[in-house]
Structures are given as structure tokens and as C-alpha cells.
PDB file of N, CA and C in Angstrom:
ATOM      1  N   MET A   1      -0.627-202.163 155.528  1.00  0.00           N
ATOM      2  CA  MET A   1      -0.954-200.793 155.875  1.00  0.00           C
ATOM      3  C   MET A   1      -2.475-200.628 155.861  1.00  0.00           C
ATOM      4  N   GLU A   2      -2.991-199.996 156.881  1.00  0.00           N
ATOM      5  CA  GLU A   2      -4.437-199.809 156.961  1.00  0.00           C
ATOM      6  C   GLU A   2      -4.841-198.473 156.353  1.00  0.00           C
ATOM      7  N   LEU A   3      -6.049-198.432 155.841  1.00  0.00           N
ATOM      8  CA  LEU A   3      -6.592-197.204 155.273  1.00  0.00           C
ATOM      9  C   LEU A   3      -7.436-196.497 156.317  1.00  0.00           C
ATOM     10  N   ARG A   4      -7.308-195.173 156.362  1.00  0.00           N
ATOM     11  CA  ARG A   4      -8.093-194.359 157.292  1.00  0.00           C
ATOM     12  C   ARG A   4      -8.681-193.169 156.551  1.00  0.00           C
ATOM     13  N   TYR A   5      -9.837-192.736 157.022  1.00  0.00           N
ATOM     14  CA  TYR A   5     -10.483-191.534 156.503  1.00  0.00           C
ATOM     15  C   TYR A   5     -11.047-190.787 157.699  1.00  0.00           C
ATOM     16  N   ARG A   6     -10.721-189.512 157.789  1.00  0.00           N
ATOM     17  CA  ARG A   6     -11.144-188.679 158.918  1.00  0.00           C
ATOM     18  C   ARG A   6     -10.833-189.347 160.259  1.00  0.00           C
ATOM     19  N   GLY A   7      -9.683-190.009 160.325  1.00  0.00           N
ATOM     20  CA  GLY A   7      -9.219-190.613 161.563  1.00  0.00           C
ATOM     21  C   GLY A   7      -9.767-191.987 161.880  1.00  0.00           C
ATOM     22  N   LEU A   8     -10.726-192.464 161.094  1.00  0.00           N
ATOM     23  CA  LEU A   8     -11.325-193.775 161.359  1.00  0.00           C
ATOM     24  C   LEU A   8     -10.853-194.802 160.333  1.00  0.00           C
ATOM     25  N   LEU A   9     -10.725-196.029 160.784  1.00  0.00           N
ATOM     26  CA  LEU A   9     -10.347-197.135 159.919  1.00  0.00           C
ATOM     27  C   LEU A   9     -11.390-197.324 158.821  1.00  0.00           C
ATOM     28  N   VAL A  10     -10.935-197.690 157.630  1.00  0.00           N
ATOM     29  CA  VAL A  10     -11.825-197.944 156.492  1.00  0.00           C
ATOM     30  C   VAL A  10     -11.864-199.442 156.249  1.00  0.00           C
ATOM     31  N   ARG A  11     -13.064-199.980 156.201  1.00  0.00           N
ATOM     32  CA  ARG A  11     -13.276-201.404 155.925  1.00  0.00           C
ATOM     33  C   ARG A  11     -14.111-201.540 154.657  1.00  0.00           C
ATOM     34  N   MET A  12     -13.926-202.660 153.962  1.00  0.00           N
ATOM     35  CA  MET A  12     -14.627-202.901 152.706  1.00  0.00           C
ATOM     36  C   MET A  12     -15.828-203.814 152.915  1.00  0.00           C
ATOM     37  N   SER A  13     -16.949-203.463 152.289  1.00  0.00           N
ATOM     38  CA  SER A  13     -18.107-204.364 152.272  1.00  0.00           C
ATOM     39  C   SER A  13     -17.876-205.419 151.189  1.00  0.00           C
ATOM     40  N   LYS A  14     -18.652-206.482 151.230  1.00  0.00           N
ATOM     41  CA  LYS A  14     -18.539-207.515 150.191  1.00  0.00           C
ATOM     42  C   LYS A  14     -18.835-206.937 148.815  1.00  0.00           C
ATOM     43  N   ASP A  15     -19.844-206.062 148.733  1.00  0.00           N
ATOM     44  CA  ASP A  15     -20.189-205.435 147.455  1.00  0.00           C
ATOM     45  C   ASP A  15     -19.043-204.575 146.937  1.00  0.00           C
ATOM     46  N   ALA A  16     -18.393-203.836 147.821  1.00  0.00           N
ATOM     47  CA  ALA A  16     -17.277-202.983 147.407  1.00  0.00           C
ATOM     48  C   ALA A  16     -16.102-203.819 146.896  1.00  0.00           C
ATOM     49  N   ILE A  17     -15.858-204.950 147.527  1.00  0.00           N
ATOM     50  CA  ILE A  17     -14.787-205.844 147.066  1.00  0.00           C
ATOM     51  C   ILE A  17     -15.112-206.354 145.661  1.00  0.00           C
ATOM     52  N   LYS A  18     -16.384-206.716 145.434  1.00  0.00           N
ATOM     53  CA  LYS A  18     -16.811-207.151 144.094  1.00  0.00           C
ATOM     54  C   LYS A  18     -16.661-206.017 143.085  1.00  0.00           C
ATOM     55  N   ASN A  19     -17.055-204.793 143.487  1.00  0.00           N
ATOM     56  CA  ASN A  19     -16.908-203.628 142.602  1.00  0.00           C
ATOM     57  C   ASN A  19     -15.449-203.435 142.197  1.00  0.00           C
ATOM     58  N   MET A  20     -14.537-203.486 143.167  1.00  0.00           N
ATOM     59  CA  MET A  20     -13.107-203.302 142.873  1.00  0.00           C
ATOM     60  C   MET A  20     -12.627-204.362 141.886  1.00  0.00           C
ATOM     61  N   HIS A  21     -13.028-205.595 142.117  1.00  0.00           N
ATOM     62  CA  HIS A  21     -12.609-206.679 141.228  1.00  0.00           C
ATOM     63  C   HIS A  21     -13.187-206.500 139.826  1.00  0.00           C
ATOM     64  N   ASN A  22     -14.487-206.259 139.726  1.00  0.00           N
ATOM     65  CA  ASN A  22     -15.151-206.117 138.424  1.00  0.00           C
ATOM     66  C   ASN A  22     -14.643-204.921 137.630  1.00  0.00           C
ATOM     67  N   LEU A  23     -14.304-203.823 138.327  1.00  0.00           N
ATOM     68  CA  LEU A  23     -13.818-202.614 137.657  1.00  0.00           C
ATOM     69  C   LEU A  23     -12.301-202.611 137.493  1.00  0.00           C
ATOM     70  N   GLU A  24     -11.657-203.654 137.995  1.00  0.00           N
ATOM     71  CA  GLU A  24     -10.201-203.783 137.946  1.00  0.00           C
ATOM     72  C   GLU A  24      -9.515-202.589 138.599  1.00  0.00           C
ATOM     73  N   LEU A  25     -10.040-202.190 139.749  1.00  0.00           N
ATOM     74  CA  LEU A  25      -9.437-201.111 140.537  1.00  0.00           C
ATOM     75  C   LEU A  25      -8.532-201.745 141.585  1.00  0.00           C
ATOM     76  N   ASP A  26      -7.571-200.974 142.057  1.00  0.00           N
ATOM     77  CA  ASP A  26      -6.672-201.499 143.083  1.00  0.00           C
ATOM     78  C   ASP A  26      -6.663-200.600 144.313  1.00  0.00           C
ATOM     79  N   ARG A  27      -5.896-201.007 145.293  1.00  0.00           N
ATOM     80  CA  ARG A  27      -5.812-200.293 146.567  1.00  0.00           C
ATOM     81  C   ARG A  27      -5.293-198.867 146.387  1.00  0.00           C
ATOM     82  N   VAL A  28      -4.401-198.660 145.418  1.00  0.00           N
ATOM     83  CA  VAL A  28      -3.835-197.330 145.174  1.00  0.00           C
ATOM     84  C   VAL A  28      -4.945-196.349 144.783  1.00  0.00           C
ATOM     85  N   ILE A  29      -5.869-196.793 143.942  1.00  0.00           N
ATOM     86  CA  ILE A  29      -6.996-195.935 143.544  1.00  0.00           C
ATOM     87  C   ILE A  29      -7.844-195.604 144.766  1.00  0.00           C
ATOM     88  N   LEU A  30      -8.102-196.578 145.613  1.00  0.00           N
ATOM     89  CA  LEU A  30      -8.886-196.332 146.818  1.00  0.00           C
ATOM     90  C   LEU A  30      -8.168-195.341 147.731  1.00  0.00           C
ATOM     91  N   GLU A  31      -6.860-195.481 147.880  1.00  0.00           N
ATOM     92  CA  GLU A  31      -6.078-194.523 148.679  1.00  0.00           C
ATOM     93  C   GLU A  31      -6.187-193.128 148.091  1.00  0.00           C
ATOM     94  N   ASP A  32      -6.067-193.009 146.753  1.00  0.00           N
ATOM     95  CA  ASP A  32      -6.200-191.708 146.094  1.00  0.00           C
ATOM     96  C   ASP A  32      -7.578-191.101 146.341  1.00  0.00           C
ATOM     97  N   LEU A  33      -8.613-191.915 146.249  1.00  0.00           N
ATOM     98  CA  LEU A  33      -9.970-191.430 146.500  1.00  0.00           C
ATOM     99  C   LEU A  33     -10.105-190.883 147.917  1.00  0.00           C
ATOM    100  N   LEU A  34      -9.565-191.608 148.896  1.00  0.00           N
ATOM    101  CA  LEU A  34      -9.682-191.191 150.292  1.00  0.00           C
ATOM    102  C   LEU A  34      -8.843-189.958 150.599  1.00  0.00           C
ATOM    103  N   GLU A  35      -7.675-189.826 149.962  1.00  0.00           N
ATOM    104  CA  GLU A  35      -6.765-188.714 150.247  1.00  0.00           C
ATOM    105  C   GLU A  35      -7.056-187.476 149.405  1.00  0.00           C
ATOM    106  N   CYS A  36      -7.418-187.675 148.137  1.00  0.00           N
ATOM    107  CA  CYS A  36      -7.529-186.550 147.208  1.00  0.00           C
ATOM    108  C   CYS A  36      -8.934-186.332 146.655  1.00  0.00           C
ATOM    109  N   GLY A  37      -9.853-187.201 147.002  1.00  0.00           N
ATOM    110  CA  GLY A  37     -11.195-187.120 146.427  1.00  0.00           C
ATOM    111  C   GLY A  37     -11.938-185.859 146.823  1.00  0.00           C
ATOM    112  N   THR A  38     -12.729-185.375 145.885  1.00  0.00           N
ATOM    113  CA  THR A  38     -13.586-184.222 146.146  1.00  0.00           C
ATOM    114  C   THR A  38     -15.000-184.707 146.422  1.00  0.00           C
ATOM    115  N   ASP A  39     -15.816-183.823 146.961  1.00  0.00           N
ATOM    116  CA  ASP A  39     -17.181-184.179 147.345  1.00  0.00           C
ATOM    117  C   ASP A  39     -17.951-184.739 146.151  1.00  0.00           C
ATOM    118  N   TYR A  40     -18.643-185.836 146.377  1.00  0.00           N
ATOM    119  CA  TYR A  40     -19.450-186.482 145.350  1.00  0.00           C
ATOM    120  C   TYR A  40     -20.813-186.804 145.942  1.00  0.00           C
ATOM    121  N   ARG A  41     -21.881-186.453 145.227  1.00  0.00           N
ATOM    122  CA  ARG A  41     -23.248-186.760 145.660  1.00  0.00           C
ATOM    123  C   ARG A  41     -24.038-187.258 144.463  1.00  0.00           C
ATOM    124  N   ASP A  42     -24.937-188.173 144.733  1.00  0.00           N
ATOM    125  CA  ASP A  42     -25.911-188.552 143.715  1.00  0.00           C
ATOM    126  C   ASP A  42     -27.247-188.791 144.398  1.00  0.00           C
ATOM    127  N   THR A  43     -28.268-189.008 143.602  1.00  0.00           N
ATOM    128  CA  THR A  43     -29.629-189.109 144.141  1.00  0.00           C
ATOM    129  C   THR A  43     -29.869-190.374 144.942  1.00  0.00           C
ATOM    130  N   LYS A  44     -28.989-191.368 144.826  1.00  0.00           N
ATOM    131  CA  LYS A  44     -29.190-192.635 145.514  1.00  0.00           C
ATOM    132  C   LYS A  44     -28.495-192.692 146.874  1.00  0.00           C
ATOM    133  N   MET A  45     -27.845-191.611 147.289  1.00  0.00           N
ATOM    134  CA  MET A  45     -27.097-191.637 148.546  1.00  0.00           C
ATOM    135  C   MET A  45     -28.023-191.392 149.731  1.00  0.00           C
ATOM    136  N   SER A  46     -27.761-192.112 150.807  1.00  0.00           N
ATOM    137  CA  SER A  46     -28.577-191.983 152.005  1.00  0.00           C
ATOM    138  C   SER A  46     -27.973-190.955 152.956  1.00  0.00           C
ATOM    139  N   LYS A  47     -28.746-190.585 153.952  1.00  0.00           N
ATOM    140  CA  LYS A  47     -28.301-189.620 154.939  1.00  0.00           C
ATOM    141  C   LYS A  47     -27.085-190.182 155.687  1.00  0.00           C
ATOM    142  N   GLY A  48     -26.069-189.359 155.865  1.00  0.00           N
ATOM    143  CA  GLY A  48     -24.863-189.769 156.561  1.00  0.00           C
ATOM    144  C   GLY A  48     -23.813-190.393 155.658  1.00  0.00           C
ATOM    145  N   GLU A  49     -24.199-190.724 154.442  1.00  0.00           N
ATOM    146  CA  GLU A  49     -23.267-191.328 153.497  1.00  0.00           C
ATOM    147  C   GLU A  49     -22.348-190.255 152.924  1.00  0.00           C
ATOM    148  N   VAL A  50     -21.084-190.581 152.747  1.00  0.00           N
ATOM    149  CA  VAL A  50     -20.090-189.651 152.212  1.00  0.00           C
ATOM    150  C   VAL A  50     -19.619-190.180 150.870  1.00  0.00           C
ATOM    151  N   GLY A  51     -19.558-189.299 149.885  1.00  0.00           N
ATOM    152  CA  GLY A  51     -19.060-189.677 148.564  1.00  0.00           C
ATOM    153  C   GLY A  51     -17.825-188.873 148.213  1.00  0.00           C
ATOM    154  N   LEU A  52     -16.845-189.537 147.631  1.00  0.00           N
ATOM    155  CA  LEU A  52     -15.612-188.898 147.185  1.00  0.00           C
ATOM    156  C   LEU A  52     -15.344-189.326 145.751  1.00  0.00           C
ATOM    157  N   ALA A  53     -14.783-188.416 144.941  1.00  0.00           N
ATOM    158  CA  ALA A  53     -14.538-188.736 143.536  1.00  0.00           C
ATOM    159  C   ALA A  53     -13.226-188.123 143.058  1.00  0.00           C
ATOM    160  N   ILE A  54     -12.623-188.790 142.082  1.00  0.00           N
ATOM    161  CA  ILE A  54     -11.457-188.273 141.372  1.00  0.00           C
ATOM    162  C   ILE A  54     -11.649-188.572 139.893  1.00  0.00           C
ATOM    163  N   THR A  55     -10.959-187.806 139.053  1.00  0.00           N
ATOM    164  CA  THR A  55     -11.011-188.048 137.613  1.00  0.00           C
ATOM    165  C   THR A  55      -9.685-188.661 137.184  1.00  0.00           C
ATOM    166  N   ARG A  56      -9.773-189.759 136.482  1.00  0.00           N
ATOM    167  CA  ARG A  56      -8.595-190.456 135.962  1.00  0.00           C
ATOM    168  C   ARG A  56      -8.897-190.935 134.550  1.00  0.00           C
ATOM    169  N   ARG A  57      -8.034-190.566 133.609  1.00  0.00           N
ATOM    170  CA  ARG A  57      -8.139-191.039 132.218  1.00  0.00           C
ATOM    171  C   ARG A  57      -9.533-190.877 131.632  1.00  0.00           C
ATOM    172  N   GLY A  58     -10.118-189.721 131.838  1.00  0.00           N
ATOM    173  CA  GLY A  58     -11.419-189.439 131.254  1.00  0.00           C
ATOM    174  C   GLY A  58     -12.604-190.065 131.952  1.00  0.00           C
ATOM    175  N   ALA A  59     -12.391-190.646 133.125  1.00  0.00           N
ATOM    176  CA  ALA A  59     -13.485-191.278 133.863  1.00  0.00           C
ATOM    177  C   ALA A  59     -13.556-190.700 135.272  1.00  0.00           C
ATOM    178  N   LEU A  60     -14.757-190.607 135.789  1.00  0.00           N
ATOM    179  CA  LEU A  60     -14.963-190.172 137.166  1.00  0.00           C
ATOM    180  C   LEU A  60     -15.064-191.419 138.034  1.00  0.00           C
ATOM    181  N   LEU A  61     -14.097-191.609 138.924  1.00  0.00           N
ATOM    182  CA  LEU A  61     -14.101-192.730 139.854  1.00  0.00           C
ATOM    183  C   LEU A  61     -14.666-192.238 141.170  1.00  0.00           C
ATOM    184  N   PHE A  62     -15.545-193.012 141.786  1.00  0.00           N
ATOM    185  CA  PHE A  62     -16.125-192.555 143.045  1.00  0.00           C
ATOM    186  C   PHE A  62     -16.231-193.687 144.054  1.00  0.00           C
ATOM    187  N   VAL A  63     -16.275-193.289 145.308  1.00  0.00           N
ATOM    188  CA  VAL A  63     -16.444-194.215 146.414  1.00  0.00           C
ATOM    189  C   VAL A  63     -17.535-193.667 147.316  1.00  0.00           C
ATOM    190  N   LYS A  64     -18.333-194.562 147.873  1.00  0.00           N
ATOM    191  CA  LYS A  64     -19.365-194.177 148.834  1.00  0.00           C
ATOM    192  C   LYS A  64     -19.052-194.864 150.161  1.00  0.00           C
ATOM    193  N   LEU A  65     -18.997-194.059 151.218  1.00  0.00           N
ATOM    194  CA  LEU A  65     -18.670-194.537 152.557  1.00  0.00           C
ATOM    195  C   LEU A  65     -19.839-194.289 153.493  1.00  0.00           C
ATOM    196  N   VAL A  66     -20.059-195.220 154.409  1.00  0.00           N
ATOM    197  CA  VAL A  66     -21.075-195.027 155.437  1.00  0.00           C
ATOM    198  C   VAL A  66     -20.432-195.256 156.802  1.00  0.00           C
ATOM    199  N   PRO A  67     -20.838-194.458 157.792  1.00  0.00           N
ATOM    200  CA  PRO A  67     -20.317-194.706 159.139  1.00  0.00           C
ATOM    201  C   PRO A  67     -20.845-196.036 159.652  1.00  0.00           C
ATOM    202  N   SER A  68     -19.995-196.773 160.342  1.00  0.00           N
ATOM    203  CA  SER A  68     -20.377-198.089 160.837  1.00  0.00           C
ATOM    204  C   SER A  68     -19.625-198.376 162.131  1.00  0.00           C
ATOM    205  N   TYR A  69     -19.796-199.591 162.610  1.00  0.00           N
ATOM    206  CA  TYR A  69     -19.141-200.023 163.846  1.00  0.00           C
ATOM    207  C   TYR A  69     -18.557-201.413 163.623  1.00  0.00           C
ATOM    208  N   ALA A  70     -17.314-201.613 164.076  1.00  0.00           N
ATOM    209  CA  ALA A  70     -16.662-202.918 163.961  1.00  0.00           C
ATOM    210  C   ALA A  70     -16.608-203.559 165.342  1.00  0.00           C
ATOM    211  N   PRO A  71     -17.483-204.521 165.616  1.00  0.00           N
ATOM    212  CA  PRO A  71     -17.502-205.133 166.942  1.00  0.00           C
ATOM    213  C   PRO A  71     -16.198-205.858 167.291  1.00  0.00           C
ATOM    214  N   ASP A  72     -15.520-206.403 166.284  1.00  0.00           N
ATOM    215  CA  ASP A  72     -14.264-207.102 166.557  1.00  0.00           C
ATOM    216  C   ASP A  72     -13.172-206.145 167.035  1.00  0.00           C
ATOM    217  N   LEU A  73     -13.273-204.872 166.649  1.00  0.00           N
ATOM    218  CA  LEU A  73     -12.315-203.854 167.081  1.00  0.00           C
ATOM    219  C   LEU A  73     -12.865-202.977 168.197  1.00  0.00           C
ATOM    220  N   ASP A  74     -14.174-203.059 168.399  1.00  0.00           N
ATOM    221  CA  ASP A  74     -14.868-202.204 169.357  1.00  0.00           C
ATOM    222  C   ASP A  74     -14.607-200.725 169.066  1.00  0.00           C
ATOM    223  N   GLU A  75     -14.779-200.367 167.787  1.00  0.00           N
ATOM    224  CA  GLU A  75     -14.590-198.972 167.393  1.00  0.00           C
ATOM    225  C   GLU A  75     -15.421-198.626 166.163  1.00  0.00           C
ATOM    226  N   ARG A  76     -15.640-197.335 166.005  1.00  0.00           N
ATOM    227  CA  ARG A  76     -16.345-196.842 164.825  1.00  0.00           C
ATOM    228  C   ARG A  76     -15.408-196.917 163.630  1.00  0.00           C
ATOM    229  N   VAL A  77     -15.974-197.208 162.463  1.00  0.00           N
ATOM    230  CA  VAL A  77     -15.210-197.310 161.219  1.00  0.00           C
ATOM    231  C   VAL A  77     -16.025-196.694 160.084  1.00  0.00           C
ATOM    232  N   TRP A  78     -15.367-196.504 158.942  1.00  0.00           N
ATOM    233  CA  TRP A  78     -16.062-196.186 157.706  1.00  0.00           C
ATOM    234  C   TRP A  78     -16.162-197.484 156.920  1.00  0.00           C
ATOM    235  N   LEU A  79     -17.346-197.776 156.421  1.00  0.00           N
ATOM    236  CA  LEU A  79     -17.549-198.944 155.584  1.00  0.00           C
ATOM    237  C   LEU A  79     -17.663-198.479 154.137  1.00  0.00           C
ATOM    238  N   VAL A  80     -16.817-199.026 153.263  1.00  0.00           N
ATOM    239  CA  VAL A  80     -16.921-198.714 151.837  1.00  0.00           C
ATOM    240  C   VAL A  80     -18.118-199.495 151.310  1.00  0.00           C
ATOM    241  N   LYS A  81     -19.146-198.750 150.950  1.00  0.00           N
ATOM    242  CA  LYS A  81     -20.402-199.347 150.492  1.00  0.00           C
ATOM    243  C   LYS A  81     -20.359-199.664 148.999  1.00  0.00           C
ATOM    244  N   HIS A  82     -19.726-198.769 148.225  1.00  0.00           N
ATOM    245  CA  HIS A  82     -19.758-198.912 146.771  1.00  0.00           C
ATOM    246  C   HIS A  82     -18.587-198.166 146.148  1.00  0.00           C
ATOM    247  N   LEU A  83     -18.037-198.730 145.087  1.00  0.00           N
ATOM    248  CA  LEU A  83     -17.053-198.079 144.230  1.00  0.00           C
ATOM    249  C   LEU A  83     -17.615-198.099 142.824  1.00  0.00           C
ATOM    250  N   GLY A  84     -17.431-197.012 142.087  1.00  0.00           N
ATOM    251  CA  GLY A  84     -17.972-196.986 140.750  1.00  0.00           C
ATOM    252  C   GLY A  84     -17.184-196.101 139.810  1.00  0.00           C
ATOM    253  N   VAL A  85     -17.511-196.196 138.527  1.00  0.00           N
ATOM    254  CA  VAL A  85     -16.891-195.411 137.474  1.00  0.00           C
ATOM    255  C   VAL A  85     -17.986-194.840 136.590  1.00  0.00           C
ATOM    256  N   THR A  86     -17.883-193.555 136.300  1.00  0.00           N
ATOM    257  CA  THR A  86     -18.773-192.911 135.366  1.00  0.00           C
ATOM    258  C   THR A  86     -17.915-192.360 134.242  1.00  0.00           C
ATOM    259  N   ARG A  87     -18.160-192.790 133.030  1.00  0.00           N
ATOM    260  CA  ARG A  87     -17.376-192.312 131.891  1.00  0.00           C
ATOM    261  C   ARG A  87     -17.752-190.887 131.581  1.00  0.00           C
ATOM    262  N   ARG A  88     -16.755-190.077 131.326  1.00  0.00           N
ATOM    263  CA  ARG A  88     -16.990-188.685 130.941  1.00  0.00           C
ATOM    264  C   ARG A  88     -17.132-188.614 129.430  1.00  0.00           C
ATOM    265  N   GLU A  89     -18.052-187.771 128.986  1.00  0.00           N
ATOM    266  CA  GLU A  89     -18.224-187.591 127.540  1.00  0.00           C
ATOM    267  C   GLU A  89     -17.483-186.343 127.089  1.00  0.00           C
ATOM    268  N   GLY A  90     -17.001-186.381 125.879  1.00  0.00           N
ATOM    269  CA  GLY A  90     -16.349-185.207 125.316  1.00  0.00           C
ATOM    270  C   GLY A  90     -14.927-185.270 125.322  1.00  0.00           C
TER     271      GLY A  90
END
């Protein structure tokens, strides 16, 4: 099953794949982020980049997407640039 956001296919960058592995996140979390995530911004985000976040078990999980192009498909896609976790205090 392919992942889509705003009608476009979602592809993973090498860094995002490493992030998922290191944080022990799975595809279900990524699906939840894309379907249920709320707007997320931080100071390191570039113009055109979209951030989505959800809270799970006291942690803020976030994904950063950038618009891109997949030459093998000849179509525009979203590239997952980064996945991260920020622990909530309190």
C-alpha cells in the first residue's frame, strides 16, 4: 500500500529511513502522522516545507515533508525529509 499526502505519493529520503530505524518507528506511525497530524513548525524548516505532528505516550512525534519530483514516475511527490521525537515534560 502506498502512502499519500494531499493527493501526492510520499517517498522516504535516506535520512528519514535512518530516523525511522533509529527511533524504532514504523509505517503505522507515519500513516498516523500523515492522516491525523497537526501543523508543526520549527526554526530549522525551509520555505515550502510542511511539518505534521502527533502526541503519543508523552512524546511529540513529527515529520517534515518537502515537495519534490520523482523522475522514475514522472510526477510530483512529497519527500519525507526528517522524522523526529521531542519528549514532553511534565
